[in-house]
């Protein structure tokens, strides 16, 4: 496999009304949907994932060939409204949390 895989998931329904788009390296790849997940196969390289609600939050990482990365989205409290932010998660923890989520969209396109 010449690519890696990135999972995006949100295991909690707290702040369900907040469903910001997820932007990876300047391209919209999906939405942060409560209790949902999707994934993408991507070329190895540097990536930045951004969500914007009240504030813009980002997480950066390097994806290696054959590697799988997991980005969990959480809701934090802001000054006027909540905000959704991503964080890298270890595979063991992520796989357990994704079990309770539903597949939300076909974002399996290679970037």
N, C-alpha and C. Protein backbone atom coordinates (compact mmCIF):
# COMPACT_ATOMS: atom_id res chain seq x y z
N UNK A 1 0.85 -1.18 0.00
CA UNK A 1 0.00 0.00 0.00
C UNK A 1 0.90 1.24 0.00
N UNK A 2 0.68 2.11 -0.95
CA UNK A 2 1.49 3.33 -1.07
C UNK A 2 0.91 4.50 -0.29
N UNK A 3 -0.26 4.31 0.28
CA UNK A 3 -0.93 5.40 1.00
C UNK A 3 -1.02 5.09 2.48
N UNK A 4 -1.52 6.04 3.23
CA UNK A 4 -1.88 5.85 4.62
C UNK A 4 -3.37 6.10 4.74
N UNK A 5 -3.91 5.95 5.92
CA UNK A 5 -5.35 6.16 6.13
C UNK A 5 -5.54 7.06 7.33
N UNK A 6 -6.50 7.97 7.21
CA UNK A 6 -6.84 8.87 8.30
C UNK A 6 -8.32 8.69 8.63
N UNK A 7 -8.60 8.35 9.90
CA UNK A 7 -9.97 8.24 10.39
C UNK A 7 -10.32 9.54 11.11
N UNK A 8 -11.52 10.01 10.88
CA UNK A 8 -12.07 11.18 11.56
C UNK A 8 -13.32 10.69 12.30
N UNK A 9 -13.40 10.94 13.59
CA UNK A 9 -14.58 10.46 14.31
C UNK A 9 -14.93 11.35 15.49
N UNK A 10 -16.18 11.28 15.86
CA UNK A 10 -16.70 12.06 17.00
C UNK A 10 -17.58 11.12 17.82
N UNK A 11 -17.05 10.56 18.92
CA UNK A 11 -17.76 9.51 19.64
C UNK A 11 -18.86 9.98 20.58
N UNK A 12 -19.01 11.27 20.74
CA UNK A 12 -19.99 11.78 21.72
C UNK A 12 -21.09 12.58 21.03
N UNK A 13 -22.26 12.61 21.65
CA UNK A 13 -23.36 13.39 21.09
C UNK A 13 -23.49 14.77 21.75
N UNK A 14 -22.67 15.04 22.77
CA UNK A 14 -22.68 16.34 23.41
C UNK A 14 -22.41 17.42 22.36
N UNK A 15 -23.19 18.49 22.39
CA UNK A 15 -23.04 19.58 21.42
C UNK A 15 -23.47 19.18 20.02
N UNK A 16 -24.49 18.31 19.93
CA UNK A 16 -24.90 17.74 18.65
C UNK A 16 -25.24 18.79 17.59
N UNK A 17 -25.68 19.96 18.02
CA UNK A 17 -26.03 21.00 17.06
C UNK A 17 -24.80 21.53 16.32
N UNK A 18 -23.63 21.40 16.92
CA UNK A 18 -22.38 21.85 16.30
C UNK A 18 -21.85 20.75 15.40
N UNK A 19 -21.85 21.01 14.09
CA UNK A 19 -21.37 20.03 13.12
C UNK A 19 -20.52 20.74 12.06
N UNK A 20 -19.38 21.28 12.46
CA UNK A 20 -18.57 22.04 11.51
C UNK A 20 -17.93 21.15 10.45
N UNK A 21 -17.60 21.77 9.33
CA UNK A 21 -16.87 21.03 8.30
C UNK A 21 -15.45 20.78 8.79
N UNK A 22 -14.87 19.73 8.28
CA UNK A 22 -13.48 19.37 8.57
C UNK A 22 -12.68 19.68 7.31
N UNK A 23 -11.64 20.48 7.49
CA UNK A 23 -10.80 20.87 6.36
C UNK A 23 -9.41 20.27 6.58
N UNK A 24 -8.93 19.54 5.57
CA UNK A 24 -7.60 18.97 5.66
C UNK A 24 -6.76 19.54 4.52
N UNK A 25 -5.67 20.19 4.90
CA UNK A 25 -4.76 20.82 3.93
C UNK A 25 -5.53 21.71 2.94
N UNK A 26 -6.48 22.48 3.47
CA UNK A 26 -7.21 23.45 2.68
C UNK A 26 -8.41 22.91 1.91
N UNK A 27 -8.71 21.63 2.04
CA UNK A 27 -9.81 21.01 1.31
C UNK A 27 -10.85 20.44 2.28
N UNK A 28 -12.13 20.76 2.05
CA UNK A 28 -13.19 20.20 2.89
C UNK A 28 -13.28 18.70 2.62
N UNK A 29 -13.19 17.91 3.70
CA UNK A 29 -13.22 16.45 3.56
C UNK A 29 -14.45 15.82 4.20
N UNK A 30 -15.19 16.57 5.00
CA UNK A 30 -16.37 16.01 5.65
C UNK A 30 -16.86 16.92 6.75
N UNK A 31 -17.75 16.37 7.60
CA UNK A 31 -18.31 17.10 8.73
C UNK A 31 -18.06 16.34 10.02
N UNK A 32 -17.96 17.08 11.11
CA UNK A 32 -17.84 16.48 12.43
C UNK A 32 -19.26 16.19 12.93
N UNK A 33 -19.69 14.97 12.72
CA UNK A 33 -21.06 14.56 13.06
C UNK A 33 -21.01 13.72 14.33
N UNK A 34 -21.84 14.08 15.33
CA UNK A 34 -21.86 13.31 16.58
C UNK A 34 -22.13 11.82 16.34
N UNK A 35 -21.37 10.98 17.02
CA UNK A 35 -21.48 9.52 16.95
C UNK A 35 -21.24 9.00 15.53
N UNK A 36 -20.39 9.73 14.76
CA UNK A 36 -20.11 9.32 13.39
C UNK A 36 -18.62 9.25 13.10
N UNK A 37 -18.28 8.55 12.02
CA UNK A 37 -16.89 8.48 11.58
C UNK A 37 -16.83 8.34 10.06
N UNK A 38 -15.71 8.71 9.50
CA UNK A 38 -15.38 8.43 8.11
C UNK A 38 -13.86 8.36 8.01
N UNK A 39 -13.36 7.92 6.86
CA UNK A 39 -11.92 7.82 6.69
C UNK A 39 -11.53 8.17 5.26
N UNK A 40 -10.24 8.46 5.09
CA UNK A 40 -9.69 8.77 3.79
C UNK A 40 -8.35 8.09 3.63
N UNK A 41 -8.06 7.63 2.42
CA UNK A 41 -6.74 7.14 2.08
C UNK A 41 -5.96 8.31 1.50
N UNK A 42 -4.77 8.56 2.04
CA UNK A 42 -4.00 9.75 1.69
C UNK A 42 -2.55 9.38 1.39
N UNK A 43 -1.94 10.20 0.55
CA UNK A 43 -0.52 10.03 0.29
C UNK A 43 0.28 10.36 1.55
N UNK A 44 1.43 9.75 1.72
CA UNK A 44 2.28 10.11 2.87
C UNK A 44 2.64 11.59 2.80
N UNK A 45 2.79 12.20 3.98
CA UNK A 45 3.17 13.61 4.01
C UNK A 45 2.69 14.30 5.26
N UNK A 46 2.79 15.63 5.24
CA UNK A 46 2.36 16.46 6.37
C UNK A 46 0.92 16.91 6.15
N UNK A 47 0.14 16.86 7.21
CA UNK A 47 -1.27 17.24 7.13
C UNK A 47 -1.64 18.17 8.28
N UNK A 48 -2.60 19.03 7.97
CA UNK A 48 -3.18 19.92 8.98
C UNK A 48 -4.69 19.82 8.85
N UNK A 49 -5.35 19.50 9.95
CA UNK A 49 -6.81 19.38 9.99
C UNK A 49 -7.36 20.53 10.82
N UNK A 50 -8.36 21.23 10.24
CA UNK A 50 -8.91 22.42 10.88
C UNK A 50 -10.43 22.30 10.97
N UNK A 51 -10.97 22.72 12.11
CA UNK A 51 -12.41 22.92 12.26
C UNK A 51 -12.62 24.34 12.75
N UNK A 52 -13.72 24.95 12.32
CA UNK A 52 -14.02 26.32 12.75
C UNK A 52 -15.44 26.39 13.28
N UNK A 53 -15.57 26.83 14.49
CA UNK A 53 -16.88 27.17 15.07
C UNK A 53 -16.70 28.59 15.59
N UNK A 54 -16.71 28.77 16.89
CA UNK A 54 -16.44 30.09 17.45
C UNK A 54 -14.98 30.48 17.22
N UNK A 55 -14.12 29.50 17.24
CA UNK A 55 -12.69 29.70 16.99
C UNK A 55 -12.20 28.63 16.01
N UNK A 56 -11.07 28.88 15.39
CA UNK A 56 -10.48 27.91 14.47
C UNK A 56 -9.49 27.06 15.26
N UNK A 57 -9.66 25.75 15.19
CA UNK A 57 -8.76 24.81 15.88
C UNK A 57 -8.09 23.93 14.84
N UNK A 58 -6.81 23.60 15.08
CA UNK A 58 -6.13 22.74 14.13
C UNK A 58 -5.28 21.70 14.84
N UNK A 59 -5.06 20.60 14.13
CA UNK A 59 -4.16 19.55 14.58
C UNK A 59 -3.29 19.18 13.38
N UNK A 60 -1.99 19.07 13.61
CA UNK A 60 -1.04 18.74 12.55
C UNK A 60 -0.40 17.39 12.83
N UNK A 61 -0.08 16.66 11.76
CA UNK A 61 0.56 15.36 11.92
C UNK A 61 1.26 14.96 10.63
N UNK A 62 2.11 13.98 10.72
CA UNK A 62 2.77 13.39 9.56
C UNK A 62 2.19 11.99 9.37
N UNK A 63 1.83 11.68 8.14
CA UNK A 63 1.30 10.36 7.80
C UNK A 63 2.36 9.63 6.97
N UNK A 64 2.73 8.45 7.44
CA UNK A 64 3.70 7.63 6.73
C UNK A 64 2.98 6.59 5.86
N UNK A 65 3.68 6.06 4.90
CA UNK A 65 3.16 5.01 4.03
C UNK A 65 2.71 3.82 4.88
N UNK A 66 1.47 3.37 4.67
CA UNK A 66 0.92 2.23 5.40
C UNK A 66 0.43 2.54 6.80
N UNK A 67 0.58 3.77 7.25
CA UNK A 67 0.18 4.16 8.61
C UNK A 67 -1.29 4.55 8.66
N UNK A 68 -1.92 4.31 9.80
CA UNK A 68 -3.28 4.78 10.04
C UNK A 68 -3.25 5.75 11.20
N UNK A 69 -3.87 6.91 11.01
CA UNK A 69 -3.98 7.94 12.05
C UNK A 69 -5.45 8.10 12.40
N UNK A 70 -5.71 8.46 13.65
CA UNK A 70 -7.08 8.64 14.14
C UNK A 70 -7.21 10.03 14.74
N UNK A 71 -8.20 10.77 14.27
CA UNK A 71 -8.45 12.11 14.80
C UNK A 71 -9.85 12.12 15.41
N UNK A 72 -9.89 12.32 16.71
CA UNK A 72 -11.16 12.39 17.45
C UNK A 72 -11.55 13.85 17.57
N UNK A 73 -12.83 14.12 17.43
CA UNK A 73 -13.35 15.47 17.61
C UNK A 73 -14.15 15.55 18.90
N UNK A 74 -13.89 16.59 19.65
CA UNK A 74 -14.59 16.85 20.92
C UNK A 74 -15.20 18.25 20.88
N UNK A 75 -16.12 18.48 21.77
CA UNK A 75 -16.73 19.80 21.91
C UNK A 75 -16.25 20.42 23.20
N UNK A 76 -15.74 21.64 23.09
CA UNK A 76 -15.31 22.40 24.26
C UNK A 76 -16.19 23.64 24.40
N UNK A 77 -16.23 24.18 25.58
CA UNK A 77 -17.04 25.37 25.80
C UNK A 77 -16.25 26.61 25.42
N UNK A 78 -16.89 27.51 24.69
CA UNK A 78 -16.28 28.77 24.29
C UNK A 78 -16.93 29.92 25.03
N UNK A 79 -16.56 31.13 24.67
CA UNK A 79 -17.10 32.32 25.32
C UNK A 79 -18.56 32.53 24.97
N UNK A 80 -18.90 32.44 23.67
CA UNK A 80 -20.28 32.62 23.22
C UNK A 80 -20.96 31.31 22.86
N UNK A 81 -20.18 30.37 22.39
CA UNK A 81 -20.73 29.09 21.95
C UNK A 81 -19.66 28.01 22.12
N UNK A 82 -20.05 26.78 21.90
CA UNK A 82 -19.09 25.70 21.97
C UNK A 82 -18.21 25.67 20.74
N UNK A 83 -17.11 24.96 20.81
CA UNK A 83 -16.25 24.79 19.65
C UNK A 83 -15.84 23.33 19.55
N UNK A 84 -15.60 22.90 18.32
CA UNK A 84 -15.24 21.52 18.05
C UNK A 84 -13.76 21.49 17.68
N UNK A 85 -13.02 20.61 18.31
CA UNK A 85 -11.60 20.53 18.03
C UNK A 85 -11.17 19.07 17.85
N UNK A 86 -10.13 18.89 17.04
CA UNK A 86 -9.60 17.55 16.79
C UNK A 86 -8.36 17.29 17.60
N UNK A 87 -8.11 16.01 17.85
CA UNK A 87 -6.92 15.59 18.57
C UNK A 87 -6.51 14.20 18.07
N UNK A 88 -5.22 13.98 17.96
CA UNK A 88 -4.72 12.65 17.58
C UNK A 88 -4.94 11.68 18.73
N UNK A 89 -5.33 10.46 18.39
CA UNK A 89 -5.64 9.45 19.41
C UNK A 89 -4.90 8.16 19.06
N UNK A 90 -4.45 7.45 20.08
CA UNK A 90 -3.80 6.15 19.88
C UNK A 90 -4.78 5.16 19.26
N UNK A 91 -4.29 4.27 18.39
CA UNK A 91 -5.18 3.33 17.71
C UNK A 91 -6.05 2.48 18.64
N UNK A 92 -5.50 1.96 19.72
CA UNK A 92 -6.30 1.12 20.62
C UNK A 92 -7.51 1.84 21.18
N UNK A 93 -7.31 3.05 21.64
CA UNK A 93 -8.40 3.85 22.18
C UNK A 93 -9.39 4.23 21.08
N UNK A 94 -8.88 4.64 19.93
CA UNK A 94 -9.74 5.07 18.83
C UNK A 94 -10.64 3.93 18.34
N UNK A 95 -10.08 2.74 18.16
CA UNK A 95 -10.88 1.63 17.66
C UNK A 95 -12.02 1.27 18.60
N UNK A 96 -11.79 1.36 19.89
CA UNK A 96 -12.86 1.11 20.85
C UNK A 96 -13.97 2.16 20.74
N UNK A 97 -13.58 3.42 20.58
CA UNK A 97 -14.57 4.49 20.48
C UNK A 97 -15.34 4.45 19.16
N UNK A 98 -14.66 4.10 18.09
CA UNK A 98 -15.31 4.05 16.77
C UNK A 98 -16.36 2.95 16.71
N UNK A 99 -16.21 1.90 17.50
CA UNK A 99 -17.20 0.82 17.52
C UNK A 99 -18.61 1.32 17.76
N UNK A 100 -18.76 2.38 18.55
CA UNK A 100 -20.08 2.92 18.88
C UNK A 100 -20.53 4.02 17.91
N UNK A 101 -19.77 4.24 16.84
CA UNK A 101 -20.11 5.28 15.87
C UNK A 101 -20.64 4.66 14.58
N UNK A 102 -21.32 5.47 13.79
CA UNK A 102 -21.81 4.99 12.49
C UNK A 102 -21.02 5.67 11.38
N UNK A 103 -20.86 4.96 10.29
CA UNK A 103 -20.17 5.49 9.12
C UNK A 103 -21.04 6.60 8.54
N UNK A 104 -20.46 7.79 8.36
CA UNK A 104 -21.29 8.93 8.00
C UNK A 104 -21.22 9.39 6.56
N UNK A 105 -20.15 9.09 5.84
CA UNK A 105 -20.10 9.51 4.44
C UNK A 105 -18.96 8.81 3.74
N UNK A 106 -19.04 8.83 2.42
CA UNK A 106 -17.99 8.20 1.63
C UNK A 106 -16.91 9.21 1.34
N UNK A 107 -15.91 9.26 2.19
CA UNK A 107 -14.78 10.16 2.01
C UNK A 107 -13.52 9.36 1.77
N UNK A 108 -13.66 8.24 1.08
CA UNK A 108 -12.52 7.35 0.89
C UNK A 108 -11.68 7.74 -0.31
N UNK A 109 -11.92 8.90 -0.88
CA UNK A 109 -11.12 9.37 -2.01
C UNK A 109 -9.70 9.60 -1.57
N UNK A 110 -8.79 9.33 -2.44
CA UNK A 110 -7.37 9.57 -2.17
C UNK A 110 -7.10 11.06 -2.32
N UNK A 111 -6.36 11.67 -1.37
CA UNK A 111 -6.03 13.09 -1.48
C UNK A 111 -4.67 13.26 -2.10
